[in-house]
Amino acid sequence: MSYGDLRECVKPVWFVNAAGEVLGDDSQPVIVQGTMLVDDGWTVEAIAGSGTANRSWEVPEGRLWQPLFLAVKLVTDATAGNRELQVQVERSGMAFAAILARAGTVQAASTTRYYLFGAGTPDLTTMRGTASANWLSTPLPVTTILQGGDRLRLLDVANVSANDAMDVWLQYAWKEV
C-alpha cells in the first residue's frame, strides 16, 4: 500500500456540538468540549462525576461502548488498609466479572493519588510525580467493546472504606446497533 492509497482510506473527523451541529472537519481543526462524531456512526462522549470508591456505568440497550480511558482521583480516609483499583466488566447472567485492568500498585490510607486507565498507556507499577501529585497509568485492552446491558465498574477490590472519595472522568465511544 502506498502513501497515496493510505491517504485515500482516511476519512475526515467531524466535530459536533450537543445539538448535533457540525463545527468543522479535519481541514478546519476545532477544539470542543462535549461530543465528537468519529467515523461509522461512533460518537465520543465523557461522563464525569464524584462519589465513593466504587463506581459503575451500564451500557444502554441498543448501543455499543468502547471505553477509551478512565481518569481517576482517589482520596482515601484514615481507615487503615491498602486500596487497589480495578476496572471490570459485568455481563447480565454471568457468575463472574471480567477484569480489564488492575492498578500496578496499592494506595494507603490518608493519601490522594491520580490514575489513568487507558488504551496505550504504560503499565506502571510505582507511582510517579511528587508527593502531592502522585499518579499511575495502567493499560486497558484496545479491543474492548461492551454491549447493551454490560456494566463497566471501577472499584477498590480491597473494599477498605466506604468513606474514600473518587472523582472520575470516563471517556468512551458509543454507537447505535
Protein backbone atom coordinates (compact mmCIF):
# COMPACT_ATOMS: atom_id res chain seq x y z
CA MET A 1 0.00 0.00 0.00
CA SER A 2 1.43 3.37 -0.97
CA TYR A 3 1.11 6.63 0.92
CA GLY A 4 -1.49 7.79 -1.62
CA ASP A 5 -3.60 4.66 -1.01
CA LEU A 6 -3.39 5.19 2.74
CA ARG A 7 -4.40 8.85 2.39
CA GLU A 8 -7.46 7.84 0.38
CA CYS A 9 -8.53 5.45 3.20
CA VAL A 10 -8.50 8.18 5.83
CA LYS A 11 -11.91 9.73 6.47
CA PRO A 12 -12.47 13.17 7.98
CA VAL A 13 -13.35 13.55 11.64
CA TRP A 14 -16.43 15.69 12.20
CA PHE A 15 -16.84 17.70 15.36
CA VAL A 16 -20.40 18.32 16.57
CA ASN A 17 -21.86 20.21 19.49
CA ALA A 18 -24.51 18.85 21.86
CA ALA A 19 -27.25 19.78 19.35
CA GLY A 20 -25.54 17.72 16.63
CA GLU A 21 -24.48 20.75 14.57
CA VAL A 22 -21.26 20.26 12.61
CA LEU A 23 -18.49 22.59 13.79
CA GLY A 24 -15.76 21.67 11.30
CA ASP A 25 -13.78 18.85 9.73
CA ASP A 26 -10.19 17.64 9.74
CA SER A 27 -9.10 20.51 7.45
CA GLN A 28 -10.50 23.03 9.95
CA PRO A 29 -9.35 21.95 13.42
CA VAL A 30 -11.88 22.79 16.09
CA ILE A 31 -11.34 22.30 19.81
CA VAL A 32 -14.61 21.44 21.52
CA GLN A 33 -15.75 20.13 24.84
CA GLY A 34 -18.59 17.65 24.69
CA THR A 35 -19.47 15.23 21.92
CA MET A 36 -17.47 14.35 18.81
CA LEU A 37 -18.77 12.18 15.97
CA VAL A 38 -15.89 9.95 14.94
CA ASP A 39 -16.47 7.56 11.99
CA ASP A 40 -19.05 4.97 11.02
CA GLY A 41 -21.57 6.40 13.45
CA TRP A 42 -19.30 6.27 16.52
CA THR A 43 -19.60 9.20 18.91
CA VAL A 44 -17.13 10.10 21.65
CA GLU A 45 -18.56 11.24 24.97
CA ALA A 46 -17.40 11.76 28.53
CA ILE A 47 -19.04 11.21 31.89
CA ALA A 48 -17.50 12.97 34.88
CA GLY A 49 -18.52 12.86 38.50
CA SER A 50 -17.62 12.45 42.13
CA GLY A 51 -18.66 9.83 44.64
CA THR A 52 -17.49 6.78 46.53
CA ALA A 53 -14.61 4.48 45.61
CA ASN A 54 -16.92 2.05 43.80
CA ARG A 55 -18.43 3.35 40.56
CA SER A 56 -20.30 1.72 37.70
CA TRP A 57 -21.88 2.62 34.37
CA GLU A 58 -24.39 0.49 32.45
CA VAL A 59 -24.39 0.42 28.66
CA PRO A 60 -27.88 1.29 27.40
CA GLU A 61 -29.69 -1.35 25.33
CA GLY A 62 -29.18 -0.88 21.59
CA ARG A 63 -25.70 0.60 21.98
CA LEU A 64 -22.09 -0.48 21.88
CA TRP A 65 -19.47 1.23 24.07
CA GLN A 66 -15.71 1.26 23.70
CA PRO A 67 -14.03 2.59 26.85
CA LEU A 68 -11.18 4.91 25.84
CA PHE A 69 -9.91 5.94 29.26
CA LEU A 70 -10.78 6.45 32.90
CA ALA A 71 -9.02 9.31 34.70
CA VAL A 72 -9.34 8.95 38.48
CA LYS A 73 -8.53 10.92 41.61
CA LEU A 74 -8.80 8.73 44.71
CA VAL A 75 -8.74 10.37 48.15
CA THR A 76 -8.54 7.80 50.93
CA ASP A 77 -9.68 8.39 54.51
CA ALA A 78 -7.77 7.41 57.65
CA THR A 79 -9.10 3.82 57.76
CA ALA A 80 -6.05 1.54 57.77
CA GLY A 81 -5.57 -0.70 54.76
CA ASN A 82 -4.28 -0.69 51.20
CA ARG A 83 -6.70 0.13 48.38
CA GLU A 84 -6.32 -1.42 44.93
CA LEU A 85 -8.24 -0.07 41.96
CA GLN A 86 -9.58 -2.42 39.32
CA VAL A 87 -11.64 -1.97 36.13
CA GLN A 88 -14.15 -4.77 35.48
CA VAL A 89 -16.93 -5.67 33.06
CA GLU A 90 -20.03 -7.46 34.27
CA ARG A 91 -22.46 -9.09 31.88
CA SER A 92 -26.01 -9.86 32.94
CA GLY A 93 -26.43 -13.54 33.79
CA MET A 94 -22.71 -14.21 34.22
CA ALA A 95 -21.44 -15.52 37.56
CA PHE A 96 -18.18 -13.55 37.42
CA ALA A 97 -16.74 -10.24 36.23
CA ALA A 98 -14.05 -9.88 33.57
CA ILE A 99 -11.07 -7.95 34.88
CA LEU A 100 -9.91 -5.43 32.27
CA ALA A 101 -7.20 -3.76 34.32
CA ARG A 102 -5.76 -3.67 37.82
CA ALA A 103 -3.65 -0.79 39.11
CA GLY A 104 0.03 -1.74 39.34
CA THR A 105 0.32 -0.76 43.00
CA VAL A 106 -1.81 -0.13 46.08
CA GLN A 107 -2.79 3.12 47.79
CA ALA A 108 -2.52 3.60 51.56
CA ALA A 109 -4.80 5.45 53.98
CA SER A 110 -4.91 9.28 54.13
CA THR A 111 -3.46 9.83 50.65
CA THR A 112 -4.51 11.36 47.35
CA ARG A 113 -3.48 9.63 44.12
CA TYR A 114 -4.25 10.02 40.42
CA TYR A 115 -4.75 7.14 37.97
CA LEU A 116 -5.16 6.81 34.22
CA PHE A 117 -6.60 3.56 32.84
CA GLY A 118 -6.42 3.80 29.05
CA ALA A 119 -5.54 2.12 25.78
CA GLY A 120 -1.86 2.51 25.01
CA THR A 121 -0.84 3.86 28.40
CA PRO A 122 2.27 2.44 30.10
CA ASP A 123 1.77 -0.25 32.73
CA LEU A 124 3.38 1.44 35.73
CA THR A 125 3.97 -0.45 38.96
CA THR A 126 5.09 2.54 41.04
CA MET A 127 3.59 5.97 41.48
CA ARG A 128 5.22 8.81 39.54
CA GLY A 129 5.45 12.52 40.31
CA THR A 130 5.77 14.46 43.54
CA ALA A 131 4.47 13.60 46.98
CA SER A 132 1.44 15.85 46.44
CA ALA A 133 0.69 14.72 42.88
CA ASN A 134 1.46 11.01 42.55
CA TRP A 135 -0.03 9.30 39.50
CA LEU A 136 -0.09 5.86 37.94
CA SER A 137 -1.11 4.63 34.49
CA THR A 138 -2.47 1.19 33.58
CA PRO A 139 -3.41 -0.02 30.07
CA LEU A 140 -6.91 -1.05 29.04
CA PRO A 141 -7.31 -3.61 26.23
CA VAL A 142 -7.71 -1.66 22.97
CA THR A 143 -10.36 -4.02 21.58
CA THR A 144 -12.81 -3.82 24.49
CA ILE A 145 -16.36 -3.40 23.12
CA LEU A 146 -19.28 -3.54 25.57
CA GLN A 147 -22.87 -4.28 24.55
CA GLY A 148 -26.21 -3.13 25.92
CA GLY A 149 -26.72 -4.36 29.49
CA ASP A 150 -23.00 -4.71 30.23
CA ARG A 151 -21.76 -2.82 33.27
CA LEU A 152 -18.35 -1.15 33.43
CA ARG A 153 -17.09 -0.98 37.03
CA LEU A 154 -14.25 0.89 38.71
CA LEU A 155 -13.73 -0.21 42.28
CA ASP A 156 -11.40 -0.72 45.20
CA VAL A 157 -11.23 -4.51 45.24
CA ALA A 158 -9.89 -4.43 48.81
CA ASN A 159 -13.10 -2.57 49.81
CA VAL A 160 -11.33 -0.86 52.72
CA SER A 161 -13.58 2.15 53.40
CA ALA A 162 -16.94 3.39 52.16
CA ASN A 163 -15.72 6.91 53.07
CA ASP A 164 -13.00 7.05 50.40
CA ALA A 165 -13.82 9.64 47.73
CA MET A 166 -13.31 9.26 44.00
CA ASP A 167 -13.52 11.76 41.13
CA VAL A 168 -13.79 10.00 37.76
CA TRP A 169 -13.76 11.05 34.13
CA LEU A 170 -14.84 8.21 31.80
CA GLN A 171 -14.26 8.85 28.09
CA TYR A 172 -15.83 6.33 25.71
CA ALA A 173 -17.02 5.91 22.13
CA TRP A 174 -20.56 4.66 21.50
CA LYS A 175 -22.58 3.52 18.52
CA GLU A 176 -26.21 2.59 17.95
CA VAL A 177 -26.76 -1.04 16.90
